[in-house]
C-alpha cells in the first residue's frame, strides 16, 4: 500500500513600507496570505480567498478598505492612527 504525501499549503507574503497610495490591490486564492503594512498608507482592493486565511499586521497611519470573500481574517497587530474597513467582505 502506497502512502500519499499531503501537499504543503503555500504561504504568500506581501509587504508595503513607506508612503503607499494604491487602490488596485488583489489578494487571490493562492494560499494563506500574510499582509504587512508599515508607514503612511491609503490602500483598497479585493480579497478573494474562500478557502484560505488572510493575516494583517498594520503599523502606521492611514486607511485600508477591502471588499470580497474570505474564509478567515486574522488581525495580528494594529498600531497607529489607522482605519480598517472590512464591511464589504463576506
PDB file of N, CA and C in Angstrom:
ATOM      1  N   UNK A   1       0.827  -1.172   0.000  1.00  0.00           N
ATOM      2  CA  UNK A   1       0.000   0.000   0.000  1.00  0.00           C
ATOM      3  C   UNK A   1       0.884   1.253   0.000  1.00  0.00           C
ATOM      4  N   UNK A   2       0.609   2.180  -0.909  1.00  0.00           N
ATOM      5  CA  UNK A   2       1.389   3.400  -1.038  1.00  0.00           C
ATOM      6  C   UNK A   2       0.863   4.479  -0.102  1.00  0.00           C
ATOM      7  N   UNK A   3       1.783   5.224   0.470  1.00  0.00           N
ATOM      8  CA  UNK A   3       1.403   6.390   1.261  1.00  0.00           C
ATOM      9  C   UNK A   3       1.443   7.600   0.349  1.00  0.00           C
ATOM     10  N   UNK A   4       0.442   8.424   0.470  1.00  0.00           N
ATOM     11  CA  UNK A   4       0.437   9.650  -0.322  1.00  0.00           C
ATOM     12  C   UNK A   4       0.802  10.817   0.582  1.00  0.00           C
ATOM     13  N   UNK A   5       1.711  11.606   0.125  1.00  0.00           N
ATOM     14  CA  UNK A   5       2.140  12.775   0.892  1.00  0.00           C
ATOM     15  C   UNK A   5       1.180  13.927   0.627  1.00  0.00           C
ATOM     16  N   UNK A   6       0.803  14.596   1.703  1.00  0.00           N
ATOM     17  CA  UNK A   6      -0.062  15.758   1.549  1.00  0.00           C
ATOM     18  C   UNK A   6       0.769  16.942   1.082  1.00  0.00           C
ATOM     19  N   UNK A   7       0.200  17.690   0.179  1.00  0.00           N
ATOM     20  CA  UNK A   7       0.885  18.882  -0.313  1.00  0.00           C
ATOM     21  C   UNK A   7       0.854  19.960   0.767  1.00  0.00           C
ATOM     22  N   UNK A   8       1.943  20.654   0.889  1.00  0.00           N
ATOM     23  CA  UNK A   8       2.034  21.730   1.865  1.00  0.00           C
ATOM     24  C   UNK A   8       1.349  22.974   1.315  1.00  0.00           C
ATOM     25  N   UNK A   9       0.560  23.632   2.166  1.00  0.00           N
ATOM     26  CA  UNK A   9      -0.104  24.855   1.733  1.00  0.00           C
ATOM     27  C   UNK A   9       0.923  25.940   1.478  1.00  0.00           C
ATOM     28  N   UNK A  10       0.710  26.677   0.423  1.00  0.00           N
ATOM     29  CA  UNK A  10       1.582  27.806   0.124  1.00  0.00           C
ATOM     30  C   UNK A  10       1.232  28.964   1.050  1.00  0.00           C
ATOM     31  N   UNK A  11       2.230  29.746   1.416  1.00  0.00           N
ATOM     32  CA  UNK A  11       2.003  30.962   2.188  1.00  0.00           C
ATOM     33  C   UNK A  11       2.526  32.134   1.374  1.00  0.00           C
ATOM     34  N   UNK A  12       1.665  33.064   1.095  1.00  0.00           N
ATOM     35  CA  UNK A  12       2.011  34.239   0.308  1.00  0.00           C
ATOM     36  C   UNK A  12       2.279  35.385   1.275  1.00  0.00           C
ATOM     37  N   UNK A  13       3.411  36.074   1.101  1.00  0.00           N
ATOM     38  CA  UNK A  13       3.759  37.211   1.952  1.00  0.00           C
ATOM     39  C   UNK A  13       3.822  38.475   1.093  1.00  0.00           C
ATOM     40  N   UNK A  14       3.067  39.490   1.511  1.00  0.00           N
ATOM     41  CA  UNK A  14       3.043  40.775   0.818  1.00  0.00           C
ATOM     42  C   UNK A  14       3.410  41.847   1.838  1.00  0.00           C
ATOM     43  N   UNK A  15       4.342  42.716   1.473  1.00  0.00           N
ATOM     44  CA  UNK A  15       4.805  43.739   2.401  1.00  0.00           C
ATOM     45  C   UNK A  15       4.806  45.110   1.723  1.00  0.00           C
ATOM     46  N   UNK A  16       4.307  46.125   2.446  1.00  0.00           N
ATOM     47  CA  UNK A  16       4.311  47.509   1.987  1.00  0.00           C
ATOM     48  C   UNK A  16       4.996  48.353   3.051  1.00  0.00           C
ATOM     49  N   UNK A  17       5.942  49.200   2.646  1.00  0.00           N
ATOM     50  CA  UNK A  17       6.613  50.103   3.573  1.00  0.00           C
ATOM     51  C   UNK A  17       6.736  51.478   2.946  1.00  0.00           C
ATOM     52  N   UNK A  18       6.598  52.517   3.789  1.00  0.00           N
ATOM     53  CA  UNK A  18       6.768  53.880   3.302  1.00  0.00           C
ATOM     54  C   UNK A  18       5.443  54.569   3.069  1.00  0.00           C
ATOM     55  N   UNK A  19       5.429  55.478   2.130  1.00  0.00           N
ATOM     56  CA  UNK A  19       4.247  56.249   1.771  1.00  0.00           C
ATOM     57  C   UNK A  19       3.554  55.532   0.609  1.00  0.00           C
ATOM     58  N   UNK A  20       2.445  54.846   0.882  1.00  0.00           N
ATOM     59  CA  UNK A  20       1.799  53.989  -0.110  1.00  0.00           C
ATOM     60  C   UNK A  20       0.385  54.482  -0.395  1.00  0.00           C
ATOM     61  N   UNK A  21       0.070  54.675  -1.673  1.00  0.00           N
ATOM     62  CA  UNK A  21      -1.288  55.004  -2.113  1.00  0.00           C
ATOM     63  C   UNK A  21      -1.596  54.071  -3.282  1.00  0.00           C
ATOM     64  N   UNK A  22      -2.384  53.042  -2.992  1.00  0.00           N
ATOM     65  CA  UNK A  22      -2.696  52.048  -4.025  1.00  0.00           C
ATOM     66  C   UNK A  22      -4.149  51.616  -3.864  1.00  0.00           C
ATOM     67  N   UNK A  23      -4.915  51.712  -4.938  1.00  0.00           N
ATOM     68  CA  UNK A  23      -6.331  51.381  -4.895  1.00  0.00           C
ATOM     69  C   UNK A  23      -6.694  50.187  -5.763  1.00  0.00           C
ATOM     70  N   UNK A  24      -5.714  49.394  -6.150  1.00  0.00           N
ATOM     71  CA  UNK A  24      -5.992  48.268  -7.038  1.00  0.00           C
ATOM     72  C   UNK A  24      -5.379  46.960  -6.530  1.00  0.00           C
ATOM     73  N   UNK A  25      -5.401  46.752  -5.212  1.00  0.00           N
ATOM     74  CA  UNK A  25      -4.860  45.512  -4.656  1.00  0.00           C
ATOM     75  C   UNK A  25      -5.770  44.337  -4.982  1.00  0.00           C
ATOM     76  N   UNK A  26      -5.176  43.201  -5.261  1.00  0.00           N
ATOM     77  CA  UNK A  26      -5.924  41.964  -5.486  1.00  0.00           C
ATOM     78  C   UNK A  26      -5.223  40.853  -4.724  1.00  0.00           C
ATOM     79  N   UNK A  27      -5.887  40.340  -3.714  1.00  0.00           N
ATOM     80  CA  UNK A  27      -5.367  39.212  -2.952  1.00  0.00           C
ATOM     81  C   UNK A  27      -6.196  38.015  -3.366  1.00  0.00           C
ATOM     82  N   UNK A  28      -5.575  37.079  -4.104  1.00  0.00           N
ATOM     83  CA  UNK A  28      -6.291  35.963  -4.701  1.00  0.00           C
ATOM     84  C   UNK A  28      -6.205  34.693  -3.889  1.00  0.00           C
ATOM     85  N   UNK A  29      -6.805  33.679  -4.392  1.00  0.00           N
ATOM     86  CA  UNK A  29      -6.916  32.396  -3.725  1.00  0.00           C
ATOM     87  C   UNK A  29      -5.722  31.501  -4.062  1.00  0.00           C
ATOM     88  N   UNK A  30      -4.534  31.882  -3.570  1.00  0.00           N
ATOM     89  CA  UNK A  30      -3.322  31.128  -3.858  1.00  0.00           C
ATOM     90  C   UNK A  30      -2.683  30.561  -2.599  1.00  0.00           C
ATOM     91  N   UNK A  31      -3.429  30.504  -1.516  1.00  0.00           N
ATOM     92  CA  UNK A  31      -2.911  30.005  -0.245  1.00  0.00           C
ATOM     93  C   UNK A  31      -3.085  31.055   0.836  1.00  0.00           C
ATOM     94  N   UNK A  32      -2.696  30.697   2.056  1.00  0.00           N
ATOM     95  CA  UNK A  32      -2.765  31.642   3.165  1.00  0.00           C
ATOM     96  C   UNK A  32      -1.882  32.845   2.860  1.00  0.00           C
ATOM     97  N   UNK A  33      -2.377  34.038   3.163  1.00  0.00           N
ATOM     98  CA  UNK A  33      -1.678  35.270   2.822  1.00  0.00           C
ATOM     99  C   UNK A  33      -1.361  36.058   4.087  1.00  0.00           C
ATOM    100  N   UNK A  34      -0.138  36.563   4.156  1.00  0.00           N
ATOM    101  CA  UNK A  34       0.278  37.438   5.245  1.00  0.00           C
ATOM    102  C   UNK A  34       0.563  38.810   4.652  1.00  0.00           C
ATOM    103  N   UNK A  35      -0.166  39.820   5.105  1.00  0.00           N
ATOM    104  CA  UNK A  35      -0.056  41.179   4.585  1.00  0.00           C
ATOM    105  C   UNK A  35       0.505  42.074   5.684  1.00  0.00           C
ATOM    106  N   UNK A  36       1.689  42.672   5.424  1.00  0.00           N
ATOM    107  CA  UNK A  36       2.340  43.569   6.382  1.00  0.00           C
ATOM    108  C   UNK A  36       2.395  44.968   5.790  1.00  0.00           C
ATOM    109  N   UNK A  37       1.914  45.942   6.566  1.00  0.00           N
ATOM    110  CA  UNK A  37       1.865  47.317   6.108  1.00  0.00           C
ATOM    111  C   UNK A  37       2.512  48.189   7.173  1.00  0.00           C
ATOM    112  N   UNK A  38       3.443  49.053   6.742  1.00  0.00           N
ATOM    113  CA  UNK A  38       4.151  49.920   7.678  1.00  0.00           C
ATOM    114  C   UNK A  38       4.373  51.277   7.022  1.00  0.00           C
ATOM    115  N   UNK A  39       3.939  52.354   7.697  1.00  0.00           N
ATOM    116  CA  UNK A  39       4.143  53.701   7.174  1.00  0.00           C
ATOM    117  C   UNK A  39       2.839  54.458   7.036  1.00  0.00           C
ATOM    118  N   UNK A  40       2.812  55.389   6.104  1.00  0.00           N
ATOM    119  CA  UNK A  40       1.600  56.136   5.772  1.00  0.00           C
ATOM    120  C   UNK A  40       0.972  55.474   4.547  1.00  0.00           C
ATOM    121  N   UNK A  41      -0.322  55.168   4.648  1.00  0.00           N
ATOM    122  CA  UNK A  41      -0.929  54.367   3.588  1.00  0.00           C
ATOM    123  C   UNK A  41      -2.369  54.773   3.307  1.00  0.00           C
ATOM    124  N   UNK A  42      -2.789  54.478   2.096  1.00  0.00           N
ATOM    125  CA  UNK A  42      -4.165  54.587   1.625  1.00  0.00           C
ATOM    126  C   UNK A  42      -4.336  53.408   0.662  1.00  0.00           C
ATOM    127  N   UNK A  43      -4.898  52.297   1.156  1.00  0.00           N
ATOM    128  CA  UNK A  43      -4.986  51.065   0.369  1.00  0.00           C
ATOM    129  C   UNK A  43      -6.432  50.606   0.258  1.00  0.00           C
ATOM    130  N   UNK A  44      -6.777  50.077  -0.905  1.00  0.00           N
ATOM    131  CA  UNK A  44      -8.079  49.440  -1.092  1.00  0.00           C
ATOM    132  C   UNK A  44      -7.959  48.406  -2.196  1.00  0.00           C
ATOM    133  N   UNK A  45      -8.890  47.463  -2.177  1.00  0.00           N
ATOM    134  CA  UNK A  45      -8.859  46.424  -3.202  1.00  0.00           C
ATOM    135  C   UNK A  45      -9.807  45.289  -2.901  1.00  0.00           C
ATOM    136  N   UNK A  46      -9.533  44.151  -3.541  1.00  0.00           N
ATOM    137  CA  UNK A  46     -10.401  42.979  -3.475  1.00  0.00           C
ATOM    138  C   UNK A  46      -9.655  41.818  -2.833  1.00  0.00           C
ATOM    139  N   UNK A  47     -10.355  41.111  -1.942  1.00  0.00           N
ATOM    140  CA  UNK A  47      -9.857  39.862  -1.376  1.00  0.00           C
ATOM    141  C   UNK A  47     -10.767  38.756  -1.900  1.00  0.00           C
ATOM    142  N   UNK A  48     -10.173  37.705  -2.469  1.00  0.00           N
ATOM    143  CA  UNK A  48     -10.951  36.524  -2.846  1.00  0.00           C
ATOM    144  C   UNK A  48     -10.177  35.295  -2.378  1.00  0.00           C
ATOM    145  N   UNK A  49     -10.463  34.870  -1.160  1.00  0.00           N
ATOM    146  CA  UNK A  49      -9.818  33.698  -0.555  1.00  0.00           C
ATOM    147  C   UNK A  49     -10.874  32.861   0.146  1.00  0.00           C
ATOM    148  N   UNK A  50     -11.779  32.207  -0.577  1.00  0.00           N
ATOM    149  CA  UNK A  50     -12.863  31.484   0.086  1.00  0.00           C
ATOM    150  C   UNK A  50     -12.407  30.250   0.871  1.00  0.00           C
ATOM    151  N   UNK A  51     -11.191  29.742   0.613  1.00  0.00           N
ATOM    152  CA  UNK A  51     -10.711  28.554   1.323  1.00  0.00           C
ATOM    153  C   UNK A  51      -9.476  28.828   2.177  1.00  0.00           C
ATOM    154  N   UNK A  52      -8.983  30.068   2.181  1.00  0.00           N
ATOM    155  CA  UNK A  52      -7.735  30.379   2.869  1.00  0.00           C
ATOM    156  C   UNK A  52      -7.924  31.555   3.819  1.00  0.00           C
ATOM    157  N   UNK A  53      -6.880  31.842   4.596  1.00  0.00           N
ATOM    158  CA  UNK A  53      -6.944  32.947   5.549  1.00  0.00           C
ATOM    159  C   UNK A  53      -6.006  34.077   5.124  1.00  0.00           C
ATOM    160  N   UNK A  54      -6.326  35.288   5.615  1.00  0.00           N
ATOM    161  CA  UNK A  54      -5.504  36.470   5.391  1.00  0.00           C
ATOM    162  C   UNK A  54      -5.135  37.022   6.762  1.00  0.00           C
ATOM    163  N   UNK A  55      -3.831  37.207   7.012  1.00  0.00           N
ATOM    164  CA  UNK A  55      -3.335  37.744   8.274  1.00  0.00           C
ATOM    165  C   UNK A  55      -2.811  39.155   8.030  1.00  0.00           C
ATOM    166  N   UNK A  56      -3.277  40.112   8.838  1.00  0.00           N
ATOM    167  CA  UNK A  56      -2.903  41.509   8.676  1.00  0.00           C
ATOM    168  C   UNK A  56      -2.046  41.974   9.846  1.00  0.00           C
ATOM    169  N   UNK A  57      -0.932  42.639   9.545  1.00  0.00           N
ATOM    170  CA  UNK A  57      -0.104  43.324  10.529  1.00  0.00           C
ATOM    171  C   UNK A  57       0.037  44.753  10.033  1.00  0.00           C
ATOM    172  N   UNK A  58      -0.516  45.706  10.797  1.00  0.00           N
ATOM    173  CA  UNK A  58      -0.590  47.084  10.339  1.00  0.00           C
ATOM    174  C   UNK A  58       0.074  47.995  11.370  1.00  0.00           C
ATOM    175  N   UNK A  59       1.017  48.816  10.902  1.00  0.00           N
ATOM    176  CA  UNK A  59       1.687  49.802  11.752  1.00  0.00           C
ATOM    177  C   UNK A  59       1.781  51.103  10.968  1.00  0.00           C
ATOM    178  N   UNK A  60       1.155  52.151  11.482  1.00  0.00           N
ATOM    179  CA  UNK A  60       1.263  53.433  10.799  1.00  0.00           C
ATOM    180  C   UNK A  60      -0.034  54.195  10.778  1.00  0.00           C
ATOM    181  N   UNK A  61      -0.143  55.106   9.827  1.00  0.00           N
ATOM    182  CA  UNK A  61      -1.294  55.997   9.716  1.00  0.00           C
ATOM    183  C   UNK A  61      -1.933  55.850   8.347  1.00  0.00           C
ATOM    184  N   UNK A  62      -3.279  55.742   8.335  1.00  0.00           N
ATOM    185  CA  UNK A  62      -3.973  55.692   7.064  1.00  0.00           C
ATOM    186  C   UNK A  62      -5.250  54.888   7.111  1.00  0.00           C
ATOM    187  N   UNK A  63      -5.712  54.506   5.929  1.00  0.00           N
ATOM    188  CA  UNK A  63      -6.964  53.775   5.789  1.00  0.00           C
ATOM    189  C   UNK A  63      -6.785  52.592   4.850  1.00  0.00           C
ATOM    190  N   UNK A  64      -7.390  51.461   5.235  1.00  0.00           N
ATOM    191  CA  UNK A  64      -7.389  50.259   4.402  1.00  0.00           C
ATOM    192  C   UNK A  64      -8.834  49.818   4.234  1.00  0.00           C
ATOM    193  N   UNK A  65      -9.231  49.548   3.003  1.00  0.00           N
ATOM    194  CA  UNK A  65     -10.593  49.133   2.713  1.00  0.00           C
ATOM    195  C   UNK A  65     -10.560  47.958   1.737  1.00  0.00           C
ATOM    196  N   UNK A  66     -11.226  46.857   2.106  1.00  0.00           N
ATOM    197  CA  UNK A  66     -11.296  45.681   1.235  1.00  0.00           C
ATOM    198  C   UNK A  66     -12.744  45.292   1.017  1.00  0.00           C
ATOM    199  N   UNK A  67     -12.981  44.621  -0.102  1.00  0.00           N
ATOM    200  CA  UNK A  67     -14.272  44.003  -0.391  1.00  0.00           C
ATOM    201  C   UNK A  67     -13.988  42.619  -0.966  1.00  0.00           C
ATOM    202  N   UNK A  68     -14.977  41.744  -0.925  1.00  0.00           N
ATOM    203  CA  UNK A  68     -14.795  40.418  -1.494  1.00  0.00           C
ATOM    204  C   UNK A  68     -15.208  39.308  -0.555  1.00  0.00           C
ATOM    205  N   UNK A  69     -14.501  38.175  -0.644  1.00  0.00           N
ATOM    206  CA  UNK A  69     -14.846  36.987   0.121  1.00  0.00           C
ATOM    207  C   UNK A  69     -13.588  36.390   0.729  1.00  0.00           C
ATOM    208  N   UNK A  70     -13.656  36.026   2.009  1.00  0.00           N
ATOM    209  CA  UNK A  70     -12.501  35.454   2.690  1.00  0.00           C
ATOM    210  C   UNK A  70     -12.988  34.483   3.761  1.00  0.00           C
ATOM    211  N   UNK A  71     -12.331  33.343   3.868  1.00  0.00           N
ATOM    212  CA  UNK A  71     -12.682  32.339   4.861  1.00  0.00           C
ATOM    213  C   UNK A  71     -12.407  32.841   6.269  1.00  0.00           C
ATOM    214  N   UNK A  72     -11.226  33.417   6.477  1.00  0.00           N
ATOM    215  CA  UNK A  72     -10.835  33.877   7.812  1.00  0.00           C
ATOM    216  C   UNK A  72      -9.870  35.056   7.681  1.00  0.00           C
ATOM    217  N   UNK A  73     -10.149  36.118   8.448  1.00  0.00           N
ATOM    218  CA  UNK A  73      -9.266  37.277   8.502  1.00  0.00           C
ATOM    219  C   UNK A  73      -8.719  37.367   9.922  1.00  0.00           C
ATOM    220  N   UNK A  74      -7.397  37.389  10.039  1.00  0.00           N
ATOM    221  CA  UNK A  74      -6.735  37.454  11.331  1.00  0.00           C
ATOM    222  C   UNK A  74      -6.013  38.797  11.411  1.00  0.00           C
ATOM    223  N   UNK A  75      -6.327  39.582  12.427  1.00  0.00           N
ATOM    224  CA  UNK A  75      -5.629  40.850  12.644  1.00  0.00           C
ATOM    225  C   UNK A  75      -4.599  40.588  13.735  1.00  0.00           C
ATOM    226  N   UNK A  76      -3.353  40.441  13.313  1.00  0.00           N
ATOM    227  CA  UNK A  76      -2.272  40.089  14.234  1.00  0.00           C
ATOM    228  C   UNK A  76      -1.864  41.277  15.094  1.00  0.00           C
ATOM    229  N   UNK A  77      -1.678  42.438  14.472  1.00  0.00           N
ATOM    230  CA  UNK A  77      -1.310  43.646  15.196  1.00  0.00           C
ATOM    231  C   UNK A  77      -1.773  44.858  14.414  1.00  0.00           C
ATOM    232  N   UNK A  78      -2.250  45.863  15.158  1.00  0.00           N
ATOM    233  CA  UNK A  78      -2.694  47.094  14.539  1.00  0.00           C
ATOM    234  C   UNK A  78      -2.297  48.235  15.460  1.00  0.00           C
ATOM    235  N   UNK A  79      -1.402  49.109  14.993  1.00  0.00           N
ATOM    236  CA  UNK A  79      -0.965  50.224  15.827  1.00  0.00           C
ATOM    237  C   UNK A  79      -0.863  51.489  14.981  1.00  0.00           C
ATOM    238  N   UNK A  80      -1.031  52.630  15.646  1.00  0.00           N
ATOM    239  CA  UNK A  80      -1.008  53.904  14.947  1.00  0.00           C
ATOM    240  C   UNK A  80      -2.405  54.437  14.749  1.00  0.00           C
ATOM    241  N   UNK A  81      -2.530  55.474  13.963  1.00  0.00           N
ATOM    242  CA  UNK A  81      -3.809  56.092  13.658  1.00  0.00           C
ATOM    243  C   UNK A  81      -4.303  55.521  12.327  1.00  0.00           C
ATOM    244  N   UNK A  82      -4.986  54.376  12.392  1.00  0.00           N
ATOM    245  CA  UNK A  82      -5.396  53.707  11.156  1.00  0.00           C
ATOM    246  C   UNK A  82      -6.834  53.215  11.253  1.00  0.00           C
ATOM    247  N   UNK A  83      -7.465  53.097  10.084  1.00  0.00           N
ATOM    248  CA  UNK A  83      -8.814  52.613   9.951  1.00  0.00           C
ATOM    249  C   UNK A  83      -8.818  51.406   9.029  1.00  0.00           C
ATOM    250  N   UNK A  84      -9.474  50.328   9.456  1.00  0.00           N
ATOM    251  CA  UNK A  84      -9.585  49.108   8.655  1.00  0.00           C
ATOM    252  C   UNK A  84     -11.062  48.880   8.367  1.00  0.00           C
ATOM    253  N   UNK A  85     -11.455  48.959   7.087  1.00  0.00           N
ATOM    254  CA  UNK A  85     -12.843  48.809   6.676  1.00  0.00           C
ATOM    255  C   UNK A  85     -13.013  47.454   5.978  1.00  0.00           C
ATOM    256  N   UNK A  86     -13.716  46.539   6.645  1.00  0.00           N
ATOM    257  CA  UNK A  86     -13.992  45.210   6.082  1.00  0.00           C
ATOM    258  C   UNK A  86     -15.494  44.971   5.941  1.00  0.00           C
ATOM    259  N   UNK A  87     -16.284  46.039   5.848  1.00  0.00           N
ATOM    260  CA  UNK A  87     -17.733  45.881   5.810  1.00  0.00           C
ATOM    261  C   UNK A  87     -18.238  45.152   4.574  1.00  0.00           C
ATOM    262  N   UNK A  88     -17.504  45.194   3.468  1.00  0.00           N
ATOM    263  CA  UNK A  88     -17.932  44.538   2.236  1.00  0.00           C
ATOM    264  C   UNK A  88     -17.264  43.182   2.011  1.00  0.00           C
ATOM    265  N   UNK A  89     -16.663  42.620   3.064  1.00  0.00           N
ATOM    266  CA  UNK A  89     -16.039  41.287   2.974  1.00  0.00           C
ATOM    267  C   UNK A  89     -16.983  40.279   3.620  1.00  0.00           C
ATOM    268  N   UNK A  90     -17.299  39.212   2.887  1.00  0.00           N
ATOM    269  CA  UNK A  90     -18.178  38.172   3.434  1.00  0.00           C
ATOM    270  C   UNK A  90     -17.382  36.944   3.801  1.00  0.00           C
TER     271      UNK A  90
END
